[in-house]
Structures are given as structure tokens and as C-alpha cells.
């Protein structure tokens, strides 16, 4: 199995877990934050979604620019956009050959300023890890928000798992 094939397998396995975490969020409490310096649940959800756009953007155009504009999306809008973007990401990822995976440079900018540049495969892995990190943050918000924490990699106190 190539690195790209393993990435695609991991991406496919993680997607339903992201959806379970999103779906467990109480929609009327998306502004919850455990501390004034913490992001709100809505902001974390937006970050996870932005990462999905980011991966799609670097595959399609070789770069992604964060413009730092905040979206005030509803939970259902986030879930819908995440699912649609994920489908596009998987479709375009299948078209990436091994040389492109290893050698094509992916650029990440914030408000037009280049922050870093990496080979595409390394970049995509880094963004997936960032998403998993933010999903962990978000999952820790669910119970204080009044929701039930879903099974992620095994049972939770609220969900015995699959």
C-alpha cells in the first residue's frame, strides 16, 4: 500500500467519525466555549470545515489562502458543506499520481502571506492531523453543552460504540 493509498483509507475511516461528532453537537449551544480564550464550538466546527476546503484547494490549485473571514454557519450547513467537500476531495485525490503526491508543492497562506509550503502528501497528512486535533477539542465540548459524546475510536461514557 502506498502512502497515498493509506492516506485515502484513513480519510475514508475518519469521515464518519467527524460526522458523528458534528451530529452530537446541540445546535442551540454552538457559541459554547469553556474559557474566554477558547474557540467556540461553532469556530472549531468552522476550522474543521476550513481544513477540508484547504485540502481540496491544494489538490485543485496547489495552494490555499485563509482569508480569516468568519462564517456564522448553522450546524446543518457545516455538516452539508463538510460532506460535499469531502466527496469532492476524495474524487480529486483519486486523480493524484504518486509523483504529484511526493513532489508537487502545496502552499498555505493567510491573507495572501505565504506561511508554509510542503510536498502535497505531507501537507495533506498535516491538515488531516489538524482536523483530528480539532475534532478532539470539539468532542470535549459536547457533554458540557448538554449533548452525548459519540463513540470515536471506541466506547464513550455516552455511547457503547458500534
Protein backbone atom coordinates (compact mmCIF):
# COMPACT_ATOMS: atom_id res chain seq x y z
CA UNK A 1 0.00 0.00 0.00
CA UNK A 2 1.38 3.39 -0.96
CA UNK A 3 1.41 6.39 1.36
CA UNK A 4 -1.36 7.98 -0.73
CA UNK A 5 -3.49 4.81 -0.57
CA UNK A 6 -3.02 4.68 3.20
CA UNK A 7 -3.99 8.35 3.46
CA UNK A 8 -7.16 7.72 1.43
CA UNK A 9 -8.05 4.75 3.65
CA UNK A 10 -7.56 6.86 6.80
CA UNK A 11 -9.55 9.74 5.30
CA UNK A 12 -12.41 7.36 4.49
CA UNK A 13 -12.36 5.91 8.04
CA UNK A 14 -12.23 9.32 9.75
CA UNK A 15 -15.08 10.94 7.81
CA UNK A 16 -17.98 9.16 9.60
CA UNK A 17 -16.34 9.91 12.95
CA UNK A 18 -16.29 13.63 12.11
CA UNK A 19 -19.96 13.41 11.18
CA UNK A 20 -20.87 11.68 14.47
CA UNK A 21 -19.13 14.44 16.44
CA UNK A 22 -20.83 17.19 14.41
CA UNK A 23 -24.21 15.49 14.79
CA UNK A 24 -23.77 15.19 18.56
CA UNK A 25 -23.47 18.96 18.99
CA UNK A 26 -26.56 20.68 20.40
CA UNK A 27 -27.33 23.24 17.66
CA UNK A 28 -28.62 25.85 20.10
CA UNK A 29 -25.33 25.88 22.02
CA UNK A 30 -22.74 26.34 19.26
CA UNK A 31 -21.45 29.52 20.92
CA UNK A 32 -20.28 27.47 23.92
CA UNK A 33 -16.62 27.91 24.89
CA UNK A 34 -15.11 26.50 28.10
CA UNK A 35 -12.85 29.53 28.61
CA UNK A 36 -12.77 33.07 27.18
CA UNK A 37 -9.54 32.25 25.28
CA UNK A 38 -11.01 29.06 23.81
CA UNK A 39 -12.67 28.90 20.42
CA UNK A 40 -16.43 28.36 20.45
CA UNK A 41 -17.87 25.08 19.21
CA UNK A 42 -19.01 26.91 16.05
CA UNK A 43 -15.48 28.25 15.48
CA UNK A 44 -13.93 24.80 15.90
CA UNK A 45 -16.50 23.31 13.53
CA UNK A 46 -15.63 26.05 11.06
CA UNK A 47 -11.92 25.26 11.44
CA UNK A 48 -12.53 21.58 10.67
CA UNK A 49 -14.57 22.58 7.63
CA UNK A 50 -11.91 25.09 6.54
CA UNK A 51 -9.30 22.31 6.72
CA UNK A 52 -11.45 20.23 4.35
CA UNK A 53 -11.61 23.20 1.94
CA UNK A 54 -7.86 23.59 2.38
CA UNK A 55 -7.07 20.03 1.32
CA UNK A 56 -9.38 20.29 -1.67
CA UNK A 57 -7.83 23.64 -2.64
CA UNK A 58 -4.24 22.39 -2.59
CA UNK A 59 -5.18 19.38 -4.71
CA UNK A 60 -7.04 21.52 -7.25
CA UNK A 61 -4.87 24.66 -7.31
CA UNK A 62 -1.72 23.87 -5.36
CA UNK A 63 -2.50 26.47 -2.72
CA UNK A 64 -4.97 27.57 -0.10
CA UNK A 65 -5.38 31.08 1.27
CA UNK A 66 -7.18 31.63 4.57
CA UNK A 67 -8.89 34.99 4.46
CA UNK A 68 -9.83 34.87 8.16
CA UNK A 69 -13.44 35.83 7.50
CA UNK A 70 -15.77 34.22 9.98
CA UNK A 71 -18.75 32.24 8.83
CA UNK A 72 -21.75 32.04 11.08
CA UNK A 73 -22.94 28.76 9.59
CA UNK A 74 -25.64 26.65 11.16
CA UNK A 75 -24.75 23.15 12.27
CA UNK A 76 -26.66 21.65 9.34
CA UNK A 77 -24.82 23.94 6.91
CA UNK A 78 -21.48 22.81 8.37
CA UNK A 79 -22.45 19.13 8.07
CA UNK A 80 -23.70 19.58 4.50
CA UNK A 81 -20.62 21.54 3.37
CA UNK A 82 -18.27 19.12 5.11
CA UNK A 83 -19.92 16.13 3.42
CA UNK A 84 -19.98 17.74 -0.03
CA UNK A 85 -16.40 18.98 0.20
CA UNK A 86 -15.24 15.59 1.47
CA UNK A 87 -16.81 13.89 -1.56
CA UNK A 88 -15.04 16.33 -3.89
CA UNK A 89 -11.77 15.81 -2.01
CA UNK A 90 -11.95 12.03 -2.38
CA UNK A 91 -12.81 12.34 -6.08
CA UNK A 92 -9.88 14.66 -6.85
CA UNK A 93 -7.49 12.71 -4.64
CA UNK A 94 -8.03 9.60 -6.79
CA UNK A 95 -6.63 11.55 -9.74
CA UNK A 96 -3.36 12.43 -7.94
CA UNK A 97 -0.48 10.26 -9.15
CA UNK A 98 2.41 9.15 -6.94
CA UNK A 99 4.87 11.69 -8.35
CA UNK A 100 2.45 14.55 -7.72
CA UNK A 101 1.78 13.21 -4.20
CA UNK A 102 5.51 13.23 -3.42
CA UNK A 103 6.76 16.25 -5.34
CA UNK A 104 4.04 18.83 -6.04
CA UNK A 105 4.36 21.76 -3.65
CA UNK A 106 1.28 22.76 -1.66
CA UNK A 107 1.22 26.31 -0.38
CA UNK A 108 -0.65 27.63 2.65
CA UNK A 109 -1.21 31.38 3.01
CA UNK A 110 -3.05 33.60 5.46
CA UNK A 111 -4.46 36.79 3.98
CA UNK A 112 -2.15 36.43 0.98
CA UNK A 113 1.05 35.89 3.00
CA UNK A 114 2.75 32.52 2.45
CA UNK A 115 3.02 30.69 5.79
CA UNK A 116 4.50 27.41 4.59
CA UNK A 117 4.98 25.16 1.62
CA UNK A 118 5.35 21.36 1.64
CA UNK A 119 5.09 18.41 -0.72
CA UNK A 120 1.40 17.66 -1.31
CA UNK A 121 1.31 14.35 0.57
CA UNK A 122 2.97 15.78 3.68
CA UNK A 123 0.68 18.78 3.55
CA UNK A 124 -2.49 16.66 3.33
CA UNK A 125 -1.41 14.48 6.26
CA UNK A 126 -0.69 17.59 8.35
CA UNK A 127 -4.12 19.03 7.66
CA UNK A 128 -5.84 15.73 8.49
CA UNK A 129 -3.96 15.63 11.81
CA UNK A 130 -5.06 19.21 12.48
CA UNK A 131 -8.67 18.20 11.83
CA UNK A 132 -8.40 15.23 14.20
CA UNK A 133 -6.91 17.55 16.84
CA UNK A 134 -9.81 19.99 16.50
CA UNK A 135 -12.32 17.14 16.50
CA UNK A 136 -10.86 16.11 19.87
CA UNK A 137 -11.38 19.65 21.15
CA UNK A 138 -14.93 19.66 19.85
CA UNK A 139 -15.74 16.27 21.35
CA UNK A 140 -14.68 17.55 24.77
CA UNK A 141 -17.29 20.33 24.46
CA UNK A 142 -20.25 18.06 23.74
CA UNK A 143 -21.09 16.91 27.27
CA UNK A 144 -20.81 20.39 28.87
CA UNK A 145 -23.06 21.61 26.05
CA UNK A 146 -25.69 19.07 27.12
CA UNK A 147 -25.06 16.52 24.35
CA UNK A 148 -23.97 12.92 24.35
CA UNK A 149 -20.39 12.13 23.30
CA UNK A 150 -20.38 9.64 20.42
CA UNK A 151 -18.09 6.67 20.06
CA UNK A 152 -14.93 7.87 18.30
CA UNK A 153 -12.29 5.11 18.37
CA UNK A 154 -14.14 3.06 20.95
CA UNK A 155 -16.90 3.43 23.52
CA UNK A 156 -17.55 6.73 25.26
CA UNK A 157 -19.38 7.28 28.54
CA UNK A 158 -22.49 8.03 26.46
CA UNK A 159 -22.12 5.62 23.51
CA UNK A 160 -21.02 1.97 23.80
CA UNK A 161 -19.83 2.03 20.18
CA UNK A 162 -20.75 0.21 17.05
